[in-house]
C-alpha atoms as a PDB file:
ATOM      1  CA  MET A   1       6.305  31.799  20.836  1.00  0.00           C
ATOM      2  CA  ARG A   2       8.976  30.474  23.210  1.00  0.00           C
ATOM      3  CA  ASP A   3      12.247  32.324  23.590  1.00  0.00           C
ATOM      4  CA  PRO A   4      14.962  30.956  21.325  1.00  0.00           C
ATOM      5  CA  VAL A   5      17.341  28.574  23.072  1.00  0.00           C
ATOM      6  CA  PRO A   6      21.121  29.002  22.906  1.00  0.00           C
ATOM      7  CA  LEU A   7      23.068  27.559  20.037  1.00  0.00           C
ATOM      8  CA  ARG A   8      26.703  26.896  19.280  1.00  0.00           C
ATOM      9  CA  PHE A   9      28.217  28.042  16.000  1.00  0.00           C
ATOM     10  CA  GLU A  10      31.691  28.375  14.593  1.00  0.00           C
ATOM     11  CA  LEU A  11      33.727  29.132  11.520  1.00  0.00           C
ATOM     12  CA  THR A  12      36.337  26.544  10.761  1.00  0.00           C
ATOM     13  CA  THR A  13      39.984  26.427   9.791  1.00  0.00           C
ATOM     14  CA  PRO A  14      41.225  23.735   7.398  1.00  0.00           C
ATOM     15  CA  ARG A  15      43.883  21.362   8.659  1.00  0.00           C
ATOM     16  CA  LYS A  16      47.276  22.205   7.210  1.00  0.00           C
ATOM     17  CA  GLY A  17      48.037  20.397   3.991  1.00  0.00           C
ATOM     18  CA  LEU A  18      44.479  19.313   3.249  1.00  0.00           C
ATOM     19  CA  PRO A  19      42.497  20.435   0.203  1.00  0.00           C
ATOM     20  CA  MET A  20      39.850  23.091   0.616  1.00  0.00           C
ATOM     21  CA  SER A  21      37.097  22.087   2.992  1.00  0.00           C
ATOM     22  CA  LEU A  22      33.715  23.718   3.375  1.00  0.00           C
ATOM     23  CA  PHE A  23      34.584  27.391   3.821  1.00  0.00           C
ATOM     24  CA  VAL A  24      32.141  27.683   6.694  1.00  0.00           C
ATOM     25  CA  CYS A  25      30.919  24.821   8.824  1.00  0.00           C
ATOM     26  CA  VAL A  26      27.948  25.563  11.061  1.00  0.00           C
ATOM     27  CA  CYS A  27      27.750  23.354  14.139  1.00  0.00           C
ATOM     28  CA  VAL A  28      24.305  23.654  15.673  1.00  0.00           C
ATOM     29  CA  SER A  29      23.604  22.236  19.109  1.00  0.00           C
ATOM     30  CA  SER A  30      20.106  23.688  19.374  1.00  0.00           C
ATOM     31  CA  SER A  31      17.972  26.127  17.422  1.00  0.00           C
ATOM     32  CA  PHE A  32      15.002  28.396  17.300  1.00  0.00           C
ATOM     33  CA  PRO A  33      11.534  26.839  17.493  1.00  0.00           C
ATOM     34  CA  GLY A  34      10.931  25.375  14.080  1.00  0.00           C
ATOM     35  CA  HIS A  35       8.236  24.716  11.594  1.00  0.00           C
ATOM     36  CA  GLN A  36       5.404  22.584  12.927  1.00  0.00           C
ATOM     37  CA  PRO A  37       3.371  20.166  10.780  1.00  0.00           C
ATOM     38  CA  GLY A  38       0.513  22.074   9.206  1.00  0.00           C
ATOM     39  CA  GLU A  39       2.093  25.485   9.743  1.00  0.00           C
ATOM     40  CA  PRO A  40       2.326  27.516   6.505  1.00  0.00           C
ATOM     41  CA  LEU A  41       5.898  27.642   5.270  1.00  0.00           C
ATOM     42  CA  ASP A  42       5.510  31.366   4.603  1.00  0.00           C
ATOM     43  CA  ASN A  43       5.576  31.871   8.384  1.00  0.00           C
ATOM     44  CA  PHE A  44       8.763  29.896   8.916  1.00  0.00           C
ATOM     45  CA  PHE A  45      12.005  31.775   9.537  1.00  0.00           C
ATOM     46  CA  PHE A  46      15.335  30.456   8.365  1.00  0.00           C
ATOM     47  CA  ALA A  47      17.217  29.348  11.482  1.00  0.00           C
ATOM     48  CA  PRO A  48      19.543  29.662  13.271  1.00  0.00           C
ATOM     49  CA  LYS A  49      20.100  33.378  12.715  1.00  0.00           C
ATOM     50  CA  PRO A  50      23.631  33.627  14.238  1.00  0.00           C
ATOM     51  CA  ALA A  51      24.796  30.845  11.940  1.00  0.00           C
ATOM     52  CA  ALA A  52      23.291  32.686   8.976  1.00  0.00           C
ATOM     53  CA  LEU A  53      25.200  35.805  10.016  1.00  0.00           C
ATOM     54  CA  LEU A  54      28.487  33.909  10.058  1.00  0.00           C
ATOM     55  CA  LEU A  55      27.648  32.361   6.710  1.00  0.00           C
ATOM     56  CA  ARG A  56      27.083  35.791   5.167  1.00  0.00           C
ATOM     57  CA  LEU A  57      30.215  37.294   6.710  1.00  0.00           C
ATOM     58  CA  ALA A  58      32.394  34.409   5.547  1.00  0.00           C
ATOM     59  CA  ALA A  59      31.002  34.570   2.008  1.00  0.00           C
ATOM     60  CA  SER A  60      31.442  38.345   1.837  1.00  0.00           C
ATOM     61  CA  PHE A  61      35.027  38.152   3.103  1.00  0.00           C
ATOM     62  CA  PHE A  62      35.789  35.387   0.621  1.00  0.00           C
ATOM     63  CA  LEU A  63      34.546  37.427  -2.344  1.00  0.00           C
ATOM     64  CA  LYS A  64      36.351  40.568  -1.217  1.00  0.00           C
ATOM     65  CA  GLN A  65      39.626  38.678  -1.105  1.00  0.00           C
ATOM     66  CA  LEU A  66      38.958  37.270  -4.584  1.00  0.00           C
ATOM     67  CA  GLY A  67      38.599  40.743  -6.087  1.00  0.00           C
ATOM     68  CA  ILE A  68      34.831  41.235  -6.355  1.00  0.00           C
ATOM     69  CA  HIS A  69      33.814  44.905  -6.304  1.00  0.00           C
ATOM     70  CA  PRO A  70      31.459  45.637  -3.360  1.00  0.00           C
ATOM     71  CA  SER A  71      28.680  46.853  -5.662  1.00  0.00           C
ATOM     72  CA  TRP A  72      27.198  43.376  -5.050  1.00  0.00           C
ATOM     73  CA  GLN A  73      27.126  41.901  -1.549  1.00  0.00           C
ATOM     74  CA  PHE A  74      25.644  38.938   0.285  1.00  0.00           C
ATOM     75  CA  VAL A  75      22.686  39.754   2.524  1.00  0.00           C
ATOM     76  CA  ASP A  76      20.539  37.678   4.851  1.00  0.00           C
ATOM     77  CA  VAL A  77      17.226  36.180   3.779  1.00  0.00           C
ATOM     78  CA  TYR A  78      15.239  36.225   7.017  1.00  0.00           C
ATOM     79  CA  GLY A  79      12.204  34.293   5.863  1.00  0.00           C
ATOM     80  CA  MET A  80       9.947  33.435   2.979  1.00  0.00           C
ATOM     81  CA  ASP A  81       6.875  35.602   3.353  1.00  0.00           C
ATOM     82  CA  ALA A  82       6.413  38.783   1.342  1.00  0.00           C
ATOM     83  CA  GLU A  83       7.123  41.129   4.253  1.00  0.00           C
ATOM     84  CA  LEU A  84      10.470  39.532   5.065  1.00  0.00           C
ATOM     85  CA  LEU A  85      11.468  39.274   1.407  1.00  0.00           C
ATOM     86  CA  SER A  86      10.789  42.998   1.054  1.00  0.00           C
ATOM     87  CA  MET A  87      13.751  43.571   3.397  1.00  0.00           C
ATOM     88  CA  VAL A  88      16.151  42.072   0.842  1.00  0.00           C
ATOM     89  CA  PRO A  89      17.760  44.740  -1.401  1.00  0.00           C
ATOM     90  CA  ARG A  90      16.973  44.423  -5.110  1.00  0.00           C
ATOM     91  CA  PRO A  91      17.995  43.276  -7.594  1.00  0.00           C
ATOM     92  CA  VAL A  92      19.092  39.827  -6.440  1.00  0.00           C
ATOM     93  CA  CYS A  93      21.187  37.763  -8.840  1.00  0.00           C
ATOM     94  CA  ALA A  94      21.882  34.579  -6.836  1.00  0.00           C
ATOM     95  CA  ILE A  95      20.804  32.656  -3.758  1.00  0.00           C
ATOM     96  CA  LEU A  96      22.991  30.309  -1.725  1.00  0.00           C
ATOM     97  CA  LEU A  97      20.976  27.737   0.199  1.00  0.00           C
ATOM     98  CA  LEU A  98      22.462  25.724   3.055  1.00  0.00           C
ATOM     99  CA  PHE A  99      20.472  22.588   3.852  1.00  0.00           C
ATOM    100  CA  PRO A 100      20.838  19.202   5.570  1.00  0.00           C
ATOM    101  CA  VAL A 101      21.649  16.152   3.465  1.00  0.00           C
ATOM    102  CA  THR A 102      19.191  13.602   4.830  1.00  0.00           C
ATOM    103  CA  GLU A 103      18.045  10.172   3.734  1.00  0.00           C
ATOM    104  CA  LYS A 104      14.883  11.746   2.313  1.00  0.00           C
ATOM    105  CA  TYR A 105      16.905  14.200   0.279  1.00  0.00           C
ATOM    106  CA  GLU A 106      19.273  11.542  -1.069  1.00  0.00           C
ATOM    107  CA  THR A 107      16.308   9.417  -2.153  1.00  0.00           C
ATOM    108  CA  PHE A 108      14.803  12.424  -3.919  1.00  0.00           C
ATOM    109  CA  ARG A 109      18.135  13.267  -5.579  1.00  0.00           C
ATOM    110  CA  THR A 110      18.429   9.776  -7.042  1.00  0.00           C
ATOM    111  CA  GLU A 111      14.851   9.817  -8.333  1.00  0.00           C
ATOM    112  CA  GLU A 112      15.283  13.319  -9.755  1.00  0.00           C
ATOM    113  CA  GLU A 113      18.345  12.292 -11.741  1.00  0.00           C
ATOM    114  CA  LYS A 114      16.562   9.241 -13.180  1.00  0.00           C
ATOM    115  CA  ARG A 115      13.554  11.358 -14.165  1.00  0.00           C
ATOM    116  CA  ILE A 116      15.633  14.022 -15.909  1.00  0.00           C
ATOM    117  CA  ARG A 117      17.740  11.471 -17.763  1.00  0.00           C
ATOM    118  CA  ALA A 118      14.546   9.838 -19.008  1.00  0.00           C
ATOM    119  CA  GLN A 119      12.572  12.991 -19.839  1.00  0.00           C
ATOM    120  CA  GLY A 120      15.318  15.486 -20.613  1.00  0.00           C
ATOM    121  CA  GLN A 121      15.467  19.187 -19.761  1.00  0.00           C
ATOM    122  CA  GLU A 122      16.654  22.448 -21.271  1.00  0.00           C
ATOM    123  CA  VAL A 123      20.057  23.640 -20.086  1.00  0.00           C
ATOM    124  CA  ARG A 124      21.332  26.630 -22.000  1.00  0.00           C
ATOM    125  CA  PRO A 125      24.967  26.570 -23.148  1.00  0.00           C
ATOM    126  CA  SER A 126      25.612  29.826 -21.296  1.00  0.00           C
ATOM    127  CA  VAL A 127      25.074  28.170 -17.892  1.00  0.00           C
ATOM    128  CA  TYR A 128      28.401  27.874 -16.063  1.00  0.00           C
ATOM    129  CA  PHE A 129      28.418  24.595 -14.132  1.00  0.00           C
ATOM    130  CA  MET A 130      31.246  22.707 -12.456  1.00  0.00           C
ATOM    131  CA  LYS A 131      31.475  19.399 -10.644  1.00  0.00           C
ATOM    132  CA  GLN A 132      32.625  19.113  -7.053  1.00  0.00           C
ATOM    133  CA  THR A 133      35.648  16.839  -6.726  1.00  0.00           C
ATOM    134  CA  ILE A 134      37.078  18.339  -3.522  1.00  0.00           C
ATOM    135  CA  SER A 135      35.327  16.852  -0.509  1.00  0.00           C
ATOM    136  CA  ASN A 136      33.487  19.314   1.749  1.00  0.00           C
ATOM    137  CA  ALA A 137      34.076  22.233  -0.658  1.00  0.00           C
ATOM    138  CA  CYS A 138      30.443  22.920  -1.554  1.00  0.00           C
ATOM    139  CA  GLY A 139      30.570  26.446  -0.112  1.00  0.00           C
ATOM    140  CA  THR A 140      33.365  27.425  -2.468  1.00  0.00           C
ATOM    141  CA  ILE A 141      31.623  25.755  -5.418  1.00  0.00           C
ATOM    142  CA  GLY A 142      28.391  27.588  -4.579  1.00  0.00           C
ATOM    143  CA  LEU A 143      30.164  30.946  -4.554  1.00  0.00           C
ATOM    144  CA  ILE A 144      31.830  30.246  -7.872  1.00  0.00           C
ATOM    145  CA  HIS A 145      28.493  29.225  -9.406  1.00  0.00           C
ATOM    146  CA  ALA A 146      26.845  32.403  -8.097  1.00  0.00           C
ATOM    147  CA  ILE A 147      29.500  34.721  -9.520  1.00  0.00           C
ATOM    148  CA  ALA A 148      30.223  32.823 -12.734  1.00  0.00           C
ATOM    149  CA  ASN A 149      26.615  33.000 -13.895  1.00  0.00           C
ATOM    150  CA  ASN A 150      26.421  36.744 -13.262  1.00  0.00           C
ATOM    151  CA  ARG A 151      29.638  37.902 -14.908  1.00  0.00           C
ATOM    152  CA  ASP A 152      27.666  40.457 -16.920  1.00  0.00           C
ATOM    153  CA  LYS A 153      26.550  42.136 -13.675  1.00  0.00           C
ATOM    154  CA  ILE A 154      29.547  41.723 -11.380  1.00  0.00           C
ATOM    155  CA  ASN A 155      32.381  44.244 -11.361  1.00  0.00           C
ATOM    156  CA  PHE A 156      35.794  42.670 -10.817  1.00  0.00           C
ATOM    157  CA  GLU A 157      38.920  44.369  -9.521  1.00  0.00           C
ATOM    158  CA  ALA A 158      41.750  44.532 -12.052  1.00  0.00           C
ATOM    159  CA  ASP A 159      43.759  41.830 -10.272  1.00  0.00           C
ATOM    160  CA  SER A 160      40.822  39.566  -9.399  1.00  0.00           C
ATOM    161  CA  SER A 161      41.972  35.961  -9.057  1.00  0.00           C
ATOM    162  CA  LEU A 162      38.392  34.754  -9.439  1.00  0.00           C
ATOM    163  CA  LYS A 163      37.982  36.595 -12.746  1.00  0.00           C
ATOM    164  CA  LYS A 164      41.134  34.926 -14.046  1.00  0.00           C
ATOM    165  CA  PHE A 165      39.853  31.525 -12.920  1.00  0.00           C
ATOM    166  CA  LEU A 166      36.534  32.118 -14.693  1.00  0.00           C
ATOM    167  CA  ASP A 167      38.145  33.462 -17.868  1.00  0.00           C
ATOM    168  CA  ASP A 168      40.409  30.424 -18.002  1.00  0.00           C
ATOM    169  CA  SER A 169      37.691  27.886 -17.225  1.00  0.00           C
ATOM    170  CA  VAL A 170      34.750  29.107 -19.338  1.00  0.00           C
ATOM    171  CA  PRO A 171      35.781  26.923 -22.331  1.00  0.00           C
ATOM    172  CA  MET A 172      36.212  23.859 -20.098  1.00  0.00           C
ATOM    173  CA  THR A 173      33.785  21.054 -19.299  1.00  0.00           C
ATOM    174  CA  PRO A 174      32.282  20.809 -15.777  1.00  0.00           C
ATOM    175  CA  GLU A 175      34.770  18.051 -14.967  1.00  0.00           C
ATOM    176  CA  GLU A 176      37.738  20.041 -16.284  1.00  0.00           C
ATOM    177  CA  ARG A 177      36.704  23.069 -14.223  1.00  0.00           C
ATOM    178  CA  ALA A 178      36.683  20.906 -11.103  1.00  0.00           C
ATOM    179  CA  LYS A 179      40.179  19.627 -11.844  1.00  0.00           C
ATOM    180  CA  TYR A 180      41.387  23.166 -12.504  1.00  0.00           C
ATOM    181  CA  LEU A 181      40.060  24.311  -9.124  1.00  0.00           C
ATOM    182  CA  GLU A 182      42.006  21.531  -7.402  1.00  0.00           C
ATOM    183  CA  THR A 183      45.262  23.137  -8.543  1.00  0.00           C
ATOM    184  CA  TYR A 184      44.274  26.826  -8.530  1.00  0.00           C
ATOM    185  CA  GLU A 185      46.463  28.176  -5.751  1.00  0.00           C
ATOM    186  CA  ALA A 186      44.996  31.697  -5.556  1.00  0.00           C
ATOM    187  CA  ILE A 187      41.540  30.456  -4.585  1.00  0.00           C
ATOM    188  CA  ARG A 188      43.045  27.962  -2.128  1.00  0.00           C
ATOM    189  CA  VAL A 189      45.004  30.733  -0.375  1.00  0.00           C
ATOM    190  CA  THR A 190      41.934  32.966  -0.250  1.00  0.00           C
ATOM    191  CA  HIS A 191      39.883  30.119   1.163  1.00  0.00           C
ATOM    192  CA  GLU A 192      42.396  29.517   3.924  1.00  0.00           C
ATOM    193  CA  SER A 193      42.581  33.239   4.755  1.00  0.00           C
ATOM    194  CA  SER A 194      38.818  33.431   5.214  1.00  0.00           C
ATOM    195  CA  ALA A 195      38.719  30.188   7.175  1.00  0.00           C
ATOM    196  CA  HIS A 196      41.364  31.519   9.585  1.00  0.00           C
ATOM    197  CA  GLU A 197      38.802  34.055  10.737  1.00  0.00           C
ATOM    198  CA  GLY A 198      37.386  31.123  12.730  1.00  0.00           C
ATOM    199  CA  GLN A 199      38.808  29.329  15.712  1.00  0.00           C
ATOM    200  CA  THR A 200      38.468  25.587  15.107  1.00  0.00           C
ATOM    201  CA  GLU A 201      39.593  22.971  12.632  1.00  0.00           C
ATOM    202  CA  ALA A 202      37.505  21.981   9.660  1.00  0.00           C
ATOM    203  CA  PRO A 203      36.405  18.403   9.187  1.00  0.00           C
ATOM    204  CA  SER A 204      38.785  16.037   7.434  1.00  0.00           C
ATOM    205  CA  ILE A 205      38.273  15.618   3.700  1.00  0.00           C
ATOM    206  CA  ASP A 206      37.137  12.088   4.534  1.00  0.00           C
ATOM    207  CA  GLU A 207      34.750  13.140   7.284  1.00  0.00           C
ATOM    208  CA  LYS A 208      31.054  12.981   6.487  1.00  0.00           C
ATOM    209  CA  VAL A 209      29.429  16.431   6.567  1.00  0.00           C
ATOM    210  CA  ASP A 210      25.647  16.491   6.449  1.00  0.00           C
ATOM    211  CA  LEU A 211      25.197  20.151   5.473  1.00  0.00           C
ATOM    212  CA  HIS A 212      25.446  21.178   1.843  1.00  0.00           C
ATOM    213  CA  PHE A 213      25.304  24.327  -0.318  1.00  0.00           C
ATOM    214  CA  ILE A 214      23.643  24.907  -3.651  1.00  0.00           C
ATOM    215  CA  ALA A 215      23.393  28.036  -5.777  1.00  0.00           C
ATOM    216  CA  LEU A 216      20.229  29.268  -7.484  1.00  0.00           C
ATOM    217  CA  VAL A 217      20.684  31.590 -10.471  1.00  0.00           C
ATOM    218  CA  ASN A 218      18.715  33.065 -13.356  1.00  0.00           C
ATOM    219  CA  VAL A 219      20.364  32.454 -16.725  1.00  0.00           C
ATOM    220  CA  GLY A 220      18.515  33.615 -19.826  1.00  0.00           C
ATOM    221  CA  GLY A 221      15.150  33.689 -18.085  1.00  0.00           C
ATOM    222  CA  ILE A 222      15.470  30.189 -16.591  1.00  0.00           C
ATOM    223  CA  LEU A 223      15.982  29.444 -12.886  1.00  0.00           C
ATOM    224  CA  TYR A 224      18.742  26.874 -12.427  1.00  0.00           C
ATOM    225  CA  GLU A 225      19.857  24.938  -9.377  1.00  0.00           C
ATOM    226  CA  LEU A 226      23.615  24.364  -9.437  1.00  0.00           C
ATOM    227  CA  ASP A 227      24.989  21.600  -7.237  1.00  0.00           C
ATOM    228  CA  GLY A 228      28.433  20.141  -7.905  1.00  0.00           C
ATOM    229  CA  ARG A 229      27.334  16.789  -6.484  1.00  0.00           C
ATOM    230  CA  LYS A 230      24.773  16.434  -9.266  1.00  0.00           C
ATOM    231  CA  PRO A 231      25.644  15.447 -12.842  1.00  0.00           C
ATOM    232  CA  PHE A 232      24.021  18.523 -14.392  1.00  0.00           C
ATOM    233  CA  PRO A 233      22.177  21.774 -13.580  1.00  0.00           C
ATOM    234  CA  ILE A 234      18.504  21.465 -12.619  1.00  0.00           C
ATOM    235  CA  ASN A 235      16.018  23.547 -14.615  1.00  0.00           C
ATOM    236  CA  HIS A 236      13.331  24.938 -12.283  1.00  0.00           C
ATOM    237  CA  GLY A 237      11.369  26.818 -14.919  1.00  0.00           C
ATOM    238  CA  GLN A 238      11.007  30.386 -16.064  1.00  0.00           C
ATOM    239  CA  SER A 239      12.171  33.369 -14.053  1.00  0.00           C
ATOM    240  CA  SER A 240      13.166  36.992 -14.569  1.00  0.00           C
ATOM    241  CA  ASN A 241      15.340  39.628 -12.963  1.00  0.00           C
ATOM    242  CA  ASP A 242      12.253  41.096 -11.286  1.00  0.00           C
ATOM    243  CA  THR A 243      10.854  37.831  -9.917  1.00  0.00           C
ATOM    244  CA  PHE A 244      14.051  35.871  -9.291  1.00  0.00           C
ATOM    245  CA  LEU A 245      14.058  36.164  -5.487  1.00  0.00           C
ATOM    246  CA  GLU A 246      10.454  35.001  -5.153  1.00  0.00           C
ATOM    247  CA  ASP A 247      11.024  32.214  -7.689  1.00  0.00           C
ATOM    248  CA  ALA A 248      14.149  31.025  -5.877  1.00  0.00           C
ATOM    249  CA  VAL A 249      12.340  31.037  -2.541  1.00  0.00           C
ATOM    250  CA  GLU A 250       9.737  28.679  -4.005  1.00  0.00           C
ATOM    251  CA  VAL A 251      12.565  26.244  -4.762  1.00  0.00           C
ATOM    252  CA  CYS A 252      13.867  26.649  -1.202  1.00  0.00           C
ATOM    253  CA  LYS A 253      10.408  25.815   0.127  1.00  0.00           C
ATOM    254  CA  LYS A 254      10.473  22.503  -1.720  1.00  0.00           C
ATOM    255  CA  PHE A 255      13.695  21.559   0.061  1.00  0.00           C
ATOM    256  CA  MET A 256      12.067  22.348   3.388  1.00  0.00           C
ATOM    257  CA  GLU A 257       8.858  20.523   2.552  1.00  0.00           C
ATOM    258  CA  ARG A 258      10.830  17.335   1.888  1.00  0.00           C
ATOM    259  CA  ASP A 259      12.236  17.465   5.428  1.00  0.00           C
ATOM    260  CA  PRO A 260       9.570  19.188   7.556  1.00  0.00           C
ATOM    261  CA  ASP A 261      11.201  18.115  10.831  1.00  0.00           C
ATOM    262  CA  GLU A 262      14.542  19.705   9.957  1.00  0.00           C
ATOM    263  CA  LEU A 263      15.544  23.190  11.121  1.00  0.00           C
ATOM    264  CA  ARG A 264      18.973  23.459   9.522  1.00  0.00           C
ATOM    265  CA  PHE A 265      18.140  25.686   6.571  1.00  0.00           C
ATOM    266  CA  ASN A 266      19.761  29.040   5.840  1.00  0.00           C
ATOM    267  CA  ALA A 267      19.822  31.265   2.784  1.00  0.00           C
ATOM    268  CA  ILE A 268      21.782  34.319   1.727  1.00  0.00           C
ATOM    269  CA  ALA A 269      21.228  36.470  -1.357  1.00  0.00           C
ATOM    270  CA  LEU A 270      23.755  38.135  -3.641  1.00  0.00           C
ATOM    271  CA  ALA A 271      22.148  41.555  -3.999  1.00  0.00           C
ATOM    272  CA  ALA A 272      22.987  45.001  -5.304  1.00  0.00           C
ATOM    273  CA  ALA A 273      24.606  47.097  -2.582  1.00  0.00           C
END
């Protein structure tokens, strides 16, 4: 295999006065050699690794500031084969997937919504789901989805601003939760503190960003994909605490299979420390 070529990556700082932007924006100028047509996906590494490291550090800092006890932490997912997955601490309660929003993906998303509206799906009432109304805030929404659907496992500090947000918003609709986040100052301040760890400005709220986050969680034995751009959670079938990581990776593979020429995929896992 060729040596990896250099790449450029950065954390970003939101412009003063703008709503929360994506809490970490990865700007890739080049990447590791990628998946080739016909190559088994099990042999493909998530790339680029430095960007994944920054993603994990930003997410971990964000949760620490929001009052999440360090008994659960974000860790890297280096690849999708059994050997690499064995490096991930267990149990895992959530996966955050960063992926490119391409024309192929947008076509699939439209068709998926039509199919589910026609055929229906099971979404349990206990699933915490919120819409994304703040442009370029999918990283923050993904983190909230990951924590909110594991409240029975996560230990919160006594003054946790995220716990208060979740306690307040549990009775709300997905749309009401989104509106509440728009005005929830504690999370905004925490977001800006974590973003200031970087050195450059974030994109404008009107600027098109072609990278997006989703959260994958296990709620009541069902694997759900939670994406604030979509109208509802996506049911990906049965799962369990023991098999969740492997089940979630199978969903990640489907994203990659839809765009086999793309390299801009990264995943981190919320795992027991």
